[in-house]
Amino acid sequence: MLPSTYIGAMNSSARTGKGNQILPVVTGTVAFKLADNPAFRVNQTPVRDAAGVWTLRLRDLPAGITIGSVIYVDQTNTHARSEQQISFTLIQGPEPTPTPTPSPKPVPRPVDTCKGQIKN
């Protein structure tokens, strides 16, 4: 399993009746669904910025070819559902080499600076 996958940005906007002006969509969310198993819940985090651009982060997907859909869903039904097919290949990166932790150095015993100075 790969720790995290970034699925670029998706701009969500809607055309209005006034001069076909494009305005950002202010309701709804995006989600990724696997094509071969749409019921499987992918660990994902959608974030929308002020300009209406979505960033979708997927986690715990296996290496290999992944085919699915990015779906825009508006729970208020203000905007229509939109779906975009997507496929991408995840490759296993190099395994990080462990950084050795330094072992604690032995603490030297205190030295008696007066030892051997007094003779009887």
PDB file of N, CA and C in Angstrom:
ATOM      1  N   MET A   1       0.828  -1.178   0.000  1.00  0.00           N
ATOM      2  CA  MET A   1       0.000   0.000   0.000  1.00  0.00           C
ATOM      3  C   MET A   1       0.877   1.248   0.000  1.00  0.00           C
ATOM      4  N   LEU A   2       0.497   2.196  -0.791  1.00  0.00           N
ATOM      5  CA  LEU A   2       1.202   3.462  -0.824  1.00  0.00           C
ATOM      6  C   LEU A   2       0.572   4.397   0.190  1.00  0.00           C
ATOM      7  N   PRO A   3       1.348   5.224   0.850  1.00  0.00           N
ATOM      8  CA  PRO A   3       0.802   6.043   1.915  1.00  0.00           C
ATOM      9  C   PRO A   3      -0.182   7.101   1.451  1.00  0.00           C
ATOM     10  N   SER A   4       0.051   7.742   0.324  1.00  0.00           N
ATOM     11  CA  SER A   4      -0.824   8.833  -0.069  1.00  0.00           C
ATOM     12  C   SER A   4      -0.709   9.078  -1.563  1.00  0.00           C
ATOM     13  N   THR A   5      -1.801   9.425  -2.180  1.00  0.00           N
ATOM     14  CA  THR A   5      -1.827   9.730  -3.597  1.00  0.00           C
ATOM     15  C   THR A   5      -2.547  11.045  -3.786  1.00  0.00           C
ATOM     16  N   TYR A   6      -1.977  11.912  -4.594  1.00  0.00           N
ATOM     17  CA  TYR A   6      -2.581  13.210  -4.844  1.00  0.00           C
ATOM     18  C   TYR A   6      -3.251  13.166  -6.202  1.00  0.00           C
ATOM     19  N   ILE A   7      -4.538  13.457  -6.241  1.00  0.00           N
ATOM     20  CA  ILE A   7      -5.272  13.488  -7.502  1.00  0.00           C
ATOM     21  C   ILE A   7      -5.524  14.947  -7.836  1.00  0.00           C
ATOM     22  N   GLY A   8      -4.557  15.602  -8.378  1.00  0.00           N
ATOM     23  CA  GLY A   8      -4.605  16.959  -8.897  1.00  0.00           C
ATOM     24  C   GLY A   8      -5.746  17.838  -8.452  1.00  0.00           C
ATOM     25  N   ALA A   9      -6.147  18.697  -9.307  1.00  0.00           N
ATOM     26  CA  ALA A   9      -7.186  19.652  -8.990  1.00  0.00           C
ATOM     27  C   ALA A   9      -8.314  19.514  -9.996  1.00  0.00           C
ATOM     28  N   MET A  10      -9.516  19.781  -9.555  1.00  0.00           N
ATOM     29  CA  MET A  10     -10.691  19.709 -10.399  1.00  0.00           C
ATOM     30  C   MET A  10     -11.481  20.973 -10.145  1.00  0.00           C
ATOM     31  N   ASN A  11     -11.727  21.749 -11.169  1.00  0.00           N
ATOM     32  CA  ASN A  11     -12.453  22.993 -11.001  1.00  0.00           C
ATOM     33  C   ASN A  11     -13.940  22.718 -11.130  1.00  0.00           C
ATOM     34  N   SER A  12     -14.693  23.108 -10.123  1.00  0.00           N
ATOM     35  CA  SER A  12     -16.140  22.933 -10.179  1.00  0.00           C
ATOM     36  C   SER A  12     -16.761  24.304 -10.366  1.00  0.00           C
ATOM     37  N   SER A  13     -17.475  24.474 -11.458  1.00  0.00           N
ATOM     38  CA  SER A  13     -18.134  25.741 -11.714  1.00  0.00           C
ATOM     39  C   SER A  13     -19.430  25.465 -12.447  1.00  0.00           C
ATOM     40  N   ALA A  14     -20.286  26.444 -12.435  1.00  0.00           N
ATOM     41  CA  ALA A  14     -21.588  26.303 -13.077  1.00  0.00           C
ATOM     42  C   ALA A  14     -21.861  27.527 -13.936  1.00  0.00           C
ATOM     43  N   ARG A  15     -22.535  27.320 -15.074  1.00  0.00           N
ATOM     44  CA  ARG A  15     -22.903  28.441 -15.935  1.00  0.00           C
ATOM     45  C   ARG A  15     -24.267  28.960 -15.489  1.00  0.00           C
ATOM     46  N   THR A  16     -24.362  30.269 -15.413  1.00  0.00           N
ATOM     47  CA  THR A  16     -25.630  30.881 -15.022  1.00  0.00           C
ATOM     48  C   THR A  16     -26.353  31.347 -16.267  1.00  0.00           C
ATOM     49  N   GLY A  17     -27.603  31.726 -16.137  1.00  0.00           N
ATOM     50  CA  GLY A  17     -28.390  32.210 -17.260  1.00  0.00           C
ATOM     51  C   GLY A  17     -27.999  33.602 -17.714  1.00  0.00           C
ATOM     52  N   LYS A  18     -27.302  34.369 -16.897  1.00  0.00           N
ATOM     53  CA  LYS A  18     -26.944  35.741 -17.226  1.00  0.00           C
ATOM     54  C   LYS A  18     -25.669  35.764 -18.055  1.00  0.00           C
ATOM     55  N   GLY A  19     -25.791  35.807 -19.357  1.00  0.00           N
ATOM     56  CA  GLY A  19     -24.632  35.897 -20.220  1.00  0.00           C
ATOM     57  C   GLY A  19     -23.729  34.674 -20.159  1.00  0.00           C
ATOM     58  N   ASN A  20     -24.273  33.557 -19.714  1.00  0.00           N
ATOM     59  CA  ASN A  20     -23.504  32.312 -19.607  1.00  0.00           C
ATOM     60  C   ASN A  20     -22.240  32.512 -18.776  1.00  0.00           C
ATOM     61  N   GLN A  21     -22.335  33.316 -17.747  1.00  0.00           N
ATOM     62  CA  GLN A  21     -21.216  33.615 -16.865  1.00  0.00           C
ATOM     63  C   GLN A  21     -20.877  32.384 -16.024  1.00  0.00           C
ATOM     64  N   ILE A  22     -19.568  32.117 -15.823  1.00  0.00           N
ATOM     65  CA  ILE A  22     -19.147  30.971 -15.020  1.00  0.00           C
ATOM     66  C   ILE A  22     -18.902  31.433 -13.594  1.00  0.00           C
ATOM     67  N   LEU A  23     -19.581  30.796 -12.659  1.00  0.00           N
ATOM     68  CA  LEU A  23     -19.425  31.091 -11.238  1.00  0.00           C
ATOM     69  C   LEU A  23     -19.020  29.824 -10.514  1.00  0.00           C
ATOM     70  N   PRO A  24     -18.218  29.934  -9.444  1.00  0.00           N
ATOM     71  CA  PRO A  24     -17.850  28.733  -8.692  1.00  0.00           C
ATOM     72  C   PRO A  24     -19.054  28.125  -7.981  1.00  0.00           C
ATOM     73  N   VAL A  25     -19.052  26.813  -7.914  1.00  0.00           N
ATOM     74  CA  VAL A  25     -20.101  26.087  -7.199  1.00  0.00           C
ATOM     75  C   VAL A  25     -19.812  26.211  -5.708  1.00  0.00           C
ATOM     76  N   VAL A  26     -20.837  26.503  -4.912  1.00  0.00           N
ATOM     77  CA  VAL A  26     -20.606  26.729  -3.490  1.00  0.00           C
ATOM     78  C   VAL A  26     -21.137  25.615  -2.606  1.00  0.00           C
ATOM     79  N   THR A  27     -21.775  24.616  -3.181  1.00  0.00           N
ATOM     80  CA  THR A  27     -22.274  23.497  -2.380  1.00  0.00           C
ATOM     81  C   THR A  27     -21.725  22.205  -2.960  1.00  0.00           C
ATOM     82  N   GLY A  28     -21.824  21.126  -2.188  1.00  0.00           N
ATOM     83  CA  GLY A  28     -21.439  19.815  -2.675  1.00  0.00           C
ATOM     84  C   GLY A  28     -20.016  19.432  -2.318  1.00  0.00           C
ATOM     85  N   THR A  29     -19.602  18.285  -2.866  1.00  0.00           N
ATOM     86  CA  THR A  29     -18.269  17.751  -2.612  1.00  0.00           C
ATOM     87  C   THR A  29     -17.858  16.847  -3.769  1.00  0.00           C
ATOM     88  N   VAL A  30     -16.620  16.400  -3.761  1.00  0.00           N
ATOM     89  CA  VAL A  30     -16.150  15.439  -4.757  1.00  0.00           C
ATOM     90  C   VAL A  30     -15.737  14.161  -4.037  1.00  0.00           C
ATOM     91  N   ALA A  31     -15.804  13.059  -4.762  1.00  0.00           N
ATOM     92  CA  ALA A  31     -15.434  11.765  -4.195  1.00  0.00           C
ATOM     93  C   ALA A  31     -14.847  10.903  -5.305  1.00  0.00           C
ATOM     94  N   PHE A  32     -13.961   9.991  -4.939  1.00  0.00           N
ATOM     95  CA  PHE A  32     -13.377   9.044  -5.873  1.00  0.00           C
ATOM     96  C   PHE A  32     -13.992   7.675  -5.623  1.00  0.00           C
ATOM     97  N   LYS A  33     -14.424   7.018  -6.692  1.00  0.00           N
ATOM     98  CA  LYS A  33     -14.984   5.668  -6.611  1.00  0.00           C
ATOM     99  C   LYS A  33     -14.210   4.769  -7.558  1.00  0.00           C
ATOM    100  N   LEU A  34     -13.863   3.580  -7.091  1.00  0.00           N
ATOM    101  CA  LEU A  34     -13.186   2.598  -7.931  1.00  0.00           C
ATOM    102  C   LEU A  34     -14.169   2.031  -8.951  1.00  0.00           C
ATOM    103  N   ALA A  35     -13.700   1.825 -10.187  1.00  0.00           N
ATOM    104  CA  ALA A  35     -14.571   1.307 -11.244  1.00  0.00           C
ATOM    105  C   ALA A  35     -14.966  -0.142 -10.985  1.00  0.00           C
ATOM    106  N   ASP A  36     -14.022  -0.959 -10.498  1.00  0.00           N
ATOM    107  CA  ASP A  36     -14.308  -2.379 -10.317  1.00  0.00           C
ATOM    108  C   ASP A  36     -15.007  -2.692  -8.993  1.00  0.00           C
ATOM    109  N   ASN A  37     -15.021  -1.747  -8.056  1.00  0.00           N
ATOM    110  CA  ASN A  37     -15.666  -1.980  -6.765  1.00  0.00           C
ATOM    111  C   ASN A  37     -16.181  -0.649  -6.210  1.00  0.00           C
ATOM    112  N   PRO A  38     -17.278  -0.124  -6.766  1.00  0.00           N
ATOM    113  CA  PRO A  38     -17.761   1.195  -6.332  1.00  0.00           C
ATOM    114  C   PRO A  38     -18.217   1.235  -4.871  1.00  0.00           C
ATOM    115  N   ALA A  39     -18.517   0.094  -4.287  1.00  0.00           N
ATOM    116  CA  ALA A  39     -18.955   0.082  -2.896  1.00  0.00           C
ATOM    117  C   ALA A  39     -17.788   0.226  -1.919  1.00  0.00           C
ATOM    118  N   PHE A  40     -16.555  -0.035  -2.385  1.00  0.00           N
ATOM    119  CA  PHE A  40     -15.376   0.074  -1.532  1.00  0.00           C
ATOM    120  C   PHE A  40     -15.146   1.530  -1.160  1.00  0.00           C
ATOM    121  N   ARG A  41     -14.958   1.783   0.134  1.00  0.00           N
ATOM    122  CA  ARG A  41     -14.753   3.150   0.603  1.00  0.00           C
ATOM    123  C   ARG A  41     -13.261   3.472   0.601  1.00  0.00           C
ATOM    124  N   VAL A  42     -12.857   4.322  -0.342  1.00  0.00           N
ATOM    125  CA  VAL A  42     -11.473   4.751  -0.457  1.00  0.00           C
ATOM    126  C   VAL A  42     -11.216   5.820   0.598  1.00  0.00           C
ATOM    127  N   ASN A  43     -10.082   5.722   1.290  1.00  0.00           N
ATOM    128  CA  ASN A  43      -9.696   6.729   2.276  1.00  0.00           C
ATOM    129  C   ASN A  43      -9.316   7.990   1.502  1.00  0.00           C
ATOM    130  N   GLN A  44     -10.140   9.042   1.591  1.00  0.00           N
ATOM    131  CA  GLN A  44      -9.942  10.233   0.781  1.00  0.00           C
ATOM    132  C   GLN A  44     -10.296  11.499   1.544  1.00  0.00           C
ATOM    133  N   THR A  45      -9.655  12.586   1.126  1.00  0.00           N
ATOM    134  CA  THR A  45      -9.897  13.881   1.756  1.00  0.00           C
ATOM    135  C   THR A  45     -10.089  14.927   0.658  1.00  0.00           C
ATOM    136  N   PRO A  46     -11.327  15.393   0.430  1.00  0.00           N
ATOM    137  CA  PRO A  46     -11.538  16.462  -0.537  1.00  0.00           C
ATOM    138  C   PRO A  46     -11.439  17.829   0.138  1.00  0.00           C
ATOM    139  N   VAL A  47     -10.759  18.785  -0.527  1.00  0.00           N
ATOM    140  CA  VAL A  47     -10.636  20.141  -0.005  1.00  0.00           C
ATOM    141  C   VAL A  47     -10.925  21.098  -1.152  1.00  0.00           C
ATOM    142  N   ARG A  48     -11.773  22.081  -0.912  1.00  0.00           N
ATOM    143  CA  ARG A  48     -12.118  23.070  -1.927  1.00  0.00           C
ATOM    144  C   ARG A  48     -11.571  24.418  -1.502  1.00  0.00           C
ATOM    145  N   ASP A  49     -10.843  25.090  -2.409  1.00  0.00           N
ATOM    146  CA  ASP A  49     -10.329  26.419  -2.067  1.00  0.00           C
ATOM    147  C   ASP A  49     -11.349  27.489  -2.446  1.00  0.00           C
ATOM    148  N   ALA A  50     -11.039  28.731  -2.150  1.00  0.00           N
ATOM    149  CA  ALA A  50     -11.975  29.837  -2.364  1.00  0.00           C
ATOM    150  C   ALA A  50     -12.295  30.052  -3.836  1.00  0.00           C
ATOM    151  N   ALA A  51     -11.418  29.632  -4.726  1.00  0.00           N
ATOM    152  CA  ALA A  51     -11.648  29.812  -6.156  1.00  0.00           C
ATOM    153  C   ALA A  51     -12.499  28.688  -6.757  1.00  0.00           C
ATOM    154  N   GLY A  52     -12.879  27.703  -5.971  1.00  0.00           N
ATOM    155  CA  GLY A  52     -13.705  26.609  -6.461  1.00  0.00           C
ATOM    156  C   GLY A  52     -12.918  25.426  -6.982  1.00  0.00           C
ATOM    157  N   VAL A  53     -11.610  25.376  -6.728  1.00  0.00           N
ATOM    158  CA  VAL A  53     -10.771  24.268  -7.191  1.00  0.00           C
ATOM    159  C   VAL A  53     -10.697  23.214  -6.095  1.00  0.00           C
ATOM    160  N   TRP A  54     -10.992  21.977  -6.479  1.00  0.00           N
ATOM    161  CA  TRP A  54     -10.954  20.860  -5.533  1.00  0.00           C
ATOM    162  C   TRP A  54      -9.591  20.196  -5.560  1.00  0.00           C
ATOM    163  N   THR A  55      -9.105  19.803  -4.403  1.00  0.00           N
ATOM    164  CA  THR A  55      -7.930  18.954  -4.276  1.00  0.00           C
ATOM    165  C   THR A  55      -8.396  17.690  -3.562  1.00  0.00           C
ATOM    166  N   LEU A  56      -8.120  16.551  -4.178  1.00  0.00           N
ATOM    167  CA  LEU A  56      -8.575  15.278  -3.624  1.00  0.00           C
ATOM    168  C   LEU A  56      -7.359  14.426  -3.308  1.00  0.00           C
ATOM    169  N   ARG A  57      -7.181  14.078  -2.029  1.00  0.00           N
ATOM    170  CA  ARG A  57      -6.051  13.248  -1.603  1.00  0.00           C
ATOM    171  C   ARG A  57      -6.590  11.854  -1.278  1.00  0.00           C
ATOM    172  N   LEU A  58      -5.978  10.856  -1.928  1.00  0.00           N
ATOM    173  CA  LEU A  58      -6.364   9.459  -1.711  1.00  0.00           C
ATOM    174  C   LEU A  58      -5.262   8.771  -0.932  1.00  0.00           C
ATOM    175  N   ARG A  59      -5.645   7.869  -0.045  1.00  0.00           N
ATOM    176  CA  ARG A  59      -4.672   7.152   0.777  1.00  0.00           C
ATOM    177  C   ARG A  59      -4.926   5.649   0.698  1.00  0.00           C
ATOM    178  N   ASP A  60      -3.854   4.900   0.937  1.00  0.00           N
ATOM    179  CA  ASP A  60      -3.909   3.433   1.089  1.00  0.00           C
ATOM    180  C   ASP A  60      -4.399   2.712  -0.161  1.00  0.00           C
ATOM    181  N   LEU A  61      -4.022   3.205  -1.336  1.00  0.00           N
ATOM    182  CA  LEU A  61      -4.321   2.470  -2.562  1.00  0.00           C
ATOM    183  C   LEU A  61      -3.132   1.585  -2.895  1.00  0.00           C
ATOM    184  N   PRO A  62      -3.371   0.376  -3.429  1.00  0.00           N
ATOM    185  CA  PRO A  62      -2.248  -0.495  -3.774  1.00  0.00           C
ATOM    186  C   PRO A  62      -1.541  -0.001  -5.028  1.00  0.00           C
ATOM    187  N   ALA A  63      -0.275  -0.386  -5.177  1.00  0.00           N
ATOM    188  CA  ALA A  63       0.473  -0.045  -6.384  1.00  0.00           C
ATOM    189  C   ALA A  63      -0.157  -0.767  -7.568  1.00  0.00           C
ATOM    190  N   GLY A  64      -0.094  -0.128  -8.729  1.00  0.00           N
ATOM    191  CA  GLY A  64      -0.648  -0.714  -9.948  1.00  0.00           C
ATOM    192  C   GLY A  64      -1.573   0.267 -10.633  1.00  0.00           C
ATOM    193  N   ILE A  65      -2.305  -0.228 -11.622  1.00  0.00           N
ATOM    194  CA  ILE A  65      -3.235   0.614 -12.378  1.00  0.00           C
ATOM    195  C   ILE A  65      -4.535   0.730 -11.597  1.00  0.00           C
ATOM    196  N   THR A  66      -4.976   1.952 -11.405  1.00  0.00           N
ATOM    197  CA  THR A  66      -6.231   2.219 -10.705  1.00  0.00           C
ATOM    198  C   THR A  66      -7.176   2.920 -11.670  1.00  0.00           C
ATOM    199  N   ILE A  67      -8.374   2.389 -11.791  1.00  0.00           N
ATOM    200  CA  ILE A  67      -9.390   2.956 -12.677  1.00  0.00           C
ATOM    201  C   ILE A  67     -10.607   3.293 -11.831  1.00  0.00           C
ATOM    202  N   GLY A  68     -11.127   4.489 -12.029  1.00  0.00           N
ATOM    203  CA  GLY A  68     -12.293   4.889 -11.264  1.00  0.00           C
ATOM    204  C   GLY A  68     -12.902   6.157 -11.804  1.00  0.00           C
ATOM    205  N   SER A  69     -13.641   6.841 -10.943  1.00  0.00           N
ATOM    206  CA  SER A  69     -14.325   8.072 -11.318  1.00  0.00           C
ATOM    207  C   SER A  69     -14.188   9.080 -10.201  1.00  0.00           C
ATOM    208  N   VAL A  70     -14.014  10.342 -10.603  1.00  0.00           N
ATOM    209  CA  VAL A  70     -14.129  11.442  -9.663  1.00  0.00           C
ATOM    210  C   VAL A  70     -15.540  11.978  -9.863  1.00  0.00           C
ATOM    211  N   ILE A  71     -16.315  11.977  -8.789  1.00  0.00           N
ATOM    212  CA  ILE A  71     -17.728  12.324  -8.878  1.00  0.00           C
ATOM    213  C   ILE A  71     -17.998  13.572  -8.056  1.00  0.00           C
ATOM    214  N   TYR A  72     -18.666  14.544  -8.669  1.00  0.00           N
ATOM    215  CA  TYR A  72     -19.124  15.720  -7.950  1.00  0.00           C
ATOM    216  C   TYR A  72     -20.569  15.464  -7.541  1.00  0.00           C
ATOM    217  N   VAL A  73     -20.847  15.594  -6.254  1.00  0.00           N
ATOM    218  CA  VAL A  73     -22.188  15.346  -5.734  1.00  0.00           C
ATOM    219  C   VAL A  73     -22.613  16.549  -4.907  1.00  0.00           C
ATOM    220  N   ASP A  74     -23.801  17.036  -5.163  1.00  0.00           N
ATOM    221  CA  ASP A  74     -24.378  18.137  -4.397  1.00  0.00           C
ATOM    222  C   ASP A  74     -25.553  17.578  -3.601  1.00  0.00           C
ATOM    223  N   GLN A  75     -25.394  17.520  -2.283  1.00  0.00           N
ATOM    224  CA  GLN A  75     -26.435  16.939  -1.433  1.00  0.00           C
ATOM    225  C   GLN A  75     -27.715  17.773  -1.430  1.00  0.00           C
ATOM    226  N   THR A  76     -27.612  19.058  -1.768  1.00  0.00           N
ATOM    227  CA  THR A  76     -28.800  19.928  -1.758  1.00  0.00           C
ATOM    228  C   THR A  76     -29.542  19.887  -3.082  1.00  0.00           C
ATOM    229  N   ASN A  77     -29.004  19.178  -4.089  1.00  0.00           N
ATOM    230  CA  ASN A  77     -29.578  19.085  -5.431  1.00  0.00           C
ATOM    231  C   ASN A  77     -29.679  20.434  -6.132  1.00  0.00           C
ATOM    232  N   THR A  78     -28.839  21.402  -5.725  1.00  0.00           N
ATOM    233  CA  THR A  78     -28.784  22.689  -6.411  1.00  0.00           C
ATOM    234  C   THR A  78     -28.092  22.518  -7.754  1.00  0.00           C
ATOM    235  N   HIS A  79     -27.074  21.649  -7.801  1.00  0.00           N
ATOM    236  CA  HIS A  79     -26.315  21.412  -9.017  1.00  0.00           C
ATOM    237  C   HIS A  79     -26.408  19.941  -9.396  1.00  0.00           C
ATOM    238  N   ALA A  80     -26.302  19.660 -10.671  1.00  0.00           N
ATOM    239  CA  ALA A  80     -26.399  18.284 -11.161  1.00  0.00           C
ATOM    240  C   ALA A  80     -25.151  17.496 -10.793  1.00  0.00           C
ATOM    241  N   ARG A  81     -25.333  16.190 -10.695  1.00  0.00           N
ATOM    242  CA  ARG A  81     -24.206  15.294 -10.442  1.00  0.00           C
ATOM    243  C   ARG A  81     -23.326  15.265 -11.684  1.00  0.00           C
ATOM    244  N   SER A  82     -22.015  15.258 -11.482  1.00  0.00           N
ATOM    245  CA  SER A  82     -21.060  15.224 -12.581  1.00  0.00           C
ATOM    246  C   SER A  82     -20.033  14.145 -12.283  1.00  0.00           C
ATOM    247  N   GLU A  83     -19.651  13.409 -13.322  1.00  0.00           N
ATOM    248  CA  GLU A  83     -18.708  12.305 -13.138  1.00  0.00           C
ATOM    249  C   GLU A  83     -17.643  12.358 -14.222  1.00  0.00           C
ATOM    250  N   GLN A  84     -16.382  12.176 -13.830  1.00  0.00           N
ATOM    251  CA  GLN A  84     -15.261  12.166 -14.767  1.00  0.00           C
ATOM    252  C   GLN A  84     -14.466  10.889 -14.560  1.00  0.00           C
ATOM    253  N   GLN A  85     -14.334  10.082 -15.631  1.00  0.00           N
ATOM    254  CA  GLN A  85     -13.547   8.856 -15.570  1.00  0.00           C
ATOM    255  C   GLN A  85     -12.072   9.222 -15.441  1.00  0.00           C
ATOM    256  N   ILE A  86     -11.322   8.420 -14.682  1.00  0.00           N
ATOM    257  CA  ILE A  86      -9.899   8.674 -14.487  1.00  0.00           C
ATOM    258  C   ILE A  86      -9.190   7.337 -14.310  1.00  0.00           C
ATOM    259  N   SER A  87      -7.971   7.271 -14.842  1.00  0.00           N
ATOM    260  CA  SER A  87      -7.125   6.103 -14.587  1.00  0.00           C
ATOM    261  C   SER A  87      -5.709   6.616 -14.368  1.00  0.00           C
ATOM    262  N   PHE A  88      -5.013   5.977 -13.465  1.00  0.00           N
ATOM    263  CA  PHE A  88      -3.641   6.357 -13.170  1.00  0.00           C
ATOM    264  C   PHE A  88      -2.889   5.140 -12.673  1.00  0.00           C
ATOM    265  N   THR A  89      -1.572   5.225 -12.779  1.00  0.00           N
ATOM    266  CA  THR A  89      -0.705   4.134 -12.354  1.00  0.00           C
ATOM    267  C   THR A  89       0.097   4.585 -11.146  1.00  0.00           C
ATOM    268  N   LEU A  90      -0.010   3.814 -10.085  1.00  0.00           N
ATOM    269  CA  LEU A  90       0.777   4.067  -8.885  1.00  0.00           C
ATOM    270  C   LEU A  90       1.952   3.102  -8.874  1.00  0.00           C
ATOM    271  N   ILE A  91       3.138   3.642  -8.674  1.00  0.00           N
ATOM    272  CA  ILE A  91       4.312   2.778  -8.611  1.00  0.00           C
ATOM    273  C   ILE A  91       4.889   2.829  -7.204  1.00  0.00           C
ATOM    274  N   GLN A  92       5.468   1.733  -6.816  1.00  0.00           N
ATOM    275  CA  GLN A  92       6.089   1.651  -5.508  1.00  0.00           C
ATOM    276  C   GLN A  92       7.399   2.406  -5.559  1.00  0.00           C
ATOM    277  N   GLY A  93       7.553   3.368  -4.710  1.00  0.00           N
ATOM    278  CA  GLY A  93       8.798   4.128  -4.639  1.00  0.00           C
ATOM    279  C   GLY A  93       9.844   3.352  -3.869  1.00  0.00           C
ATOM    280  N   PRO A  94      11.048   3.899  -3.817  1.00  0.00           N
ATOM    281  CA  PRO A  94      12.111   3.215  -3.070  1.00  0.00           C
ATOM    282  C   PRO A  94      11.788   3.199  -1.580  1.00  0.00           C
ATOM    283  N   GLU A  95      12.153   2.118  -0.955  1.00  0.00           N
ATOM    284  CA  GLU A  95      11.951   2.012   0.487  1.00  0.00           C
ATOM    285  C   GLU A  95      12.924   2.951   1.182  1.00  0.00           C
ATOM    286  N   PRO A  96      12.462   3.730   2.101  1.00  0.00           N
ATOM    287  CA  PRO A  96      13.391   4.620   2.799  1.00  0.00           C
ATOM    288  C   PRO A  96      14.361   3.815   3.651  1.00  0.00           C
ATOM    289  N   THR A  97      15.613   4.229   3.628  1.00  0.00           N
ATOM    290  CA  THR A  97      16.605   3.540   4.449  1.00  0.00           C
ATOM    291  C   THR A  97      16.489   4.065   5.876  1.00  0.00           C
ATOM    292  N   PRO A  98      16.502   3.179   6.832  1.00  0.00           N
ATOM    293  CA  PRO A  98      16.365   3.631   8.213  1.00  0.00           C
ATOM    294  C   PRO A  98      17.576   4.450   8.647  1.00  0.00           C
ATOM    295  N   THR A  99      17.322   5.502   9.358  1.00  0.00           N
ATOM    296  CA  THR A  99      18.390   6.341   9.885  1.00  0.00           C
ATOM    297  C   THR A  99      18.829   5.759  11.219  1.00  0.00           C
ATOM    298  N   PRO A 100      20.125   5.452  11.332  1.00  0.00           N
ATOM    299  CA  PRO A 100      20.573   4.877  12.613  1.00  0.00           C
ATOM    300  C   PRO A 100      20.457   5.915  13.729  1.00  0.00           C
ATOM    301  N   THR A 101      19.990   5.448  14.854  1.00  0.00           N
ATOM    302  CA  THR A 101      19.911   6.345  16.005  1.00  0.00           C
ATOM    303  C   THR A 101      21.212   6.218  16.787  1.00  0.00           C
ATOM    304  N   PRO A 102      21.803   7.340  17.149  1.00  0.00           N
ATOM    305  CA  PRO A 102      23.075   7.252  17.874  1.00  0.00           C
ATOM    306  C   PRO A 102      22.863   6.613  19.246  1.00  0.00           C
ATOM    307  N   SER A 103      23.788   5.724  19.586  1.00  0.00           N
ATOM    308  CA  SER A 103      23.701   5.094  20.900  1.00  0.00           C
ATOM    309  C   SER A 103      24.286   6.053  21.938  1.00  0.00           C
ATOM    310  N   PRO A 104      23.769   6.018  23.136  1.00  0.00           N
ATOM    311  CA  PRO A 104      24.279   6.941  24.155  1.00  0.00           C
ATOM    312  C   PRO A 104      25.738   6.621  24.485  1.00  0.00           C
ATOM    313  N   LYS A 105      26.527   7.668  24.594  1.00  0.00           N
ATOM    314  CA  LYS A 105      27.941   7.490  24.932  1.00  0.00           C
ATOM    315  C   LYS A 105      28.069   7.251  26.430  1.00  0.00           C
ATOM    316  N   PRO A 106      28.988   6.381  26.830  1.00  0.00           N
ATOM    317  CA  PRO A 106      29.153   6.146  28.271  1.00  0.00           C
ATOM    318  C   PRO A 106      29.653   7.417  28.957  1.00  0.00           C
ATOM    319  N   VAL A 107      29.096   7.668  30.114  1.00  0.00           N
ATOM    320  CA  VAL A 107      29.493   8.842  30.895  1.00  0.00           C
ATOM    321  C   VAL A 107      30.754   8.484  31.674  1.00  0.00           C
ATOM    322  N   PRO A 108      31.850   9.295  31.549  1.00  0.00           N
ATOM    323  CA  PRO A 108      33.078   8.975  32.284  1.00  0.00           C
ATOM    324  C   PRO A 108      32.859   9.143  33.788  1.00  0.00           C
ATOM    325  N   ARG A 109      33.565   8.309  34.548  1.00  0.00           N
ATOM    326  CA  ARG A 109      33.450   8.380  36.001  1.00  0.00           C
ATOM    327  C   ARG A 109      34.110   9.663  36.488  1.00  0.00           C
ATOM    328  N   PRO A 110      33.585  10.256  37.511  1.00  0.00           N
ATOM    329  CA  PRO A 110      34.224  11.471  38.032  1.00  0.00           C
ATOM    330  C   PRO A 110      35.627  11.152  38.555  1.00  0.00           C
ATOM    331  N   VAL A 111      36.520  12.070  38.320  1.00  0.00           N
ATOM    332  CA  VAL A 111      37.914  11.880  38.717  1.00  0.00           C
ATOM    333  C   VAL A 111      38.156  12.668  40.012  1.00  0.00           C
ATOM    334  N   ASP A 112      38.821  12.008  40.975  1.00  0.00           N
ATOM    335  CA  ASP A 112      39.175  12.687  42.227  1.00  0.00           C
ATOM    336  C   ASP A 112      40.479  13.411  41.985  1.00  0.00           C
ATOM    337  N   THR A 113      40.435  14.731  41.856  1.00  0.00           N
ATOM    338  CA  THR A 113      41.634  15.514  41.540  1.00  0.00           C
ATOM    339  C   THR A 113      42.605  15.596  42.726  1.00  0.00           C
ATOM    340  N   CYS A 114      42.168  15.283  43.934  1.00  0.00           N
ATOM    341  CA  CYS A 114      43.043  15.342  45.109  1.00  0.00           C
ATOM    342  C   CYS A 114      43.729  14.012  45.384  1.00  0.00           C
ATOM    343  N   LYS A 115      43.382  12.972  44.667  1.00  0.00           N
ATOM    344  CA  LYS A 115      43.923  11.646  44.900  1.00  0.00           C
ATOM    345  C   LYS A 115      45.429  11.664  44.677  1.00  0.00           C
ATOM    346  N   GLY A 116      46.176  11.141  45.630  1.00  0.00           N
ATOM    347  CA  GLY A 116      47.619  11.013  45.527  1.00  0.00           C
ATOM    348  C   GLY A 116      48.392  12.277  45.870  1.00  0.00           C
ATOM    349  N   GLN A 117      47.730  13.344  46.251  1.00  0.00           N
ATOM    350  CA  GLN A 117      48.441  14.586  46.565  1.00  0.00           C
ATOM    351  C   GLN A 117      48.906  14.635  48.016  1.00  0.00           C
ATOM    352  N   ILE A 118      48.243  13.965  48.904  1.00  0.00           N
ATOM    353  CA  ILE A 118      48.609  13.999  50.342  1.00  0.00           C
ATOM    354  C   ILE A 118      49.404  12.754  50.656  1.00  0.00           C
ATOM    355  N   LYS A 119      50.641  12.980  51.243  1.00  0.00           N
ATOM    356  CA  LYS A 119      51.493  11.855  51.628  1.00  0.00           C
ATOM    357  C   LYS A 119      51.666  11.913  53.130  1.00  0.00           C
ATOM    358  N   ASN A 120      51.615  10.795  53.796  1.00  0.00           N
ATOM    359  CA  ASN A 120      51.789  10.706  55.254  1.00  0.00           C
ATOM    360  C   ASN A 120      53.149  10.253  55.613  1.00  0.00           C
TER     361      ASN A 120
END
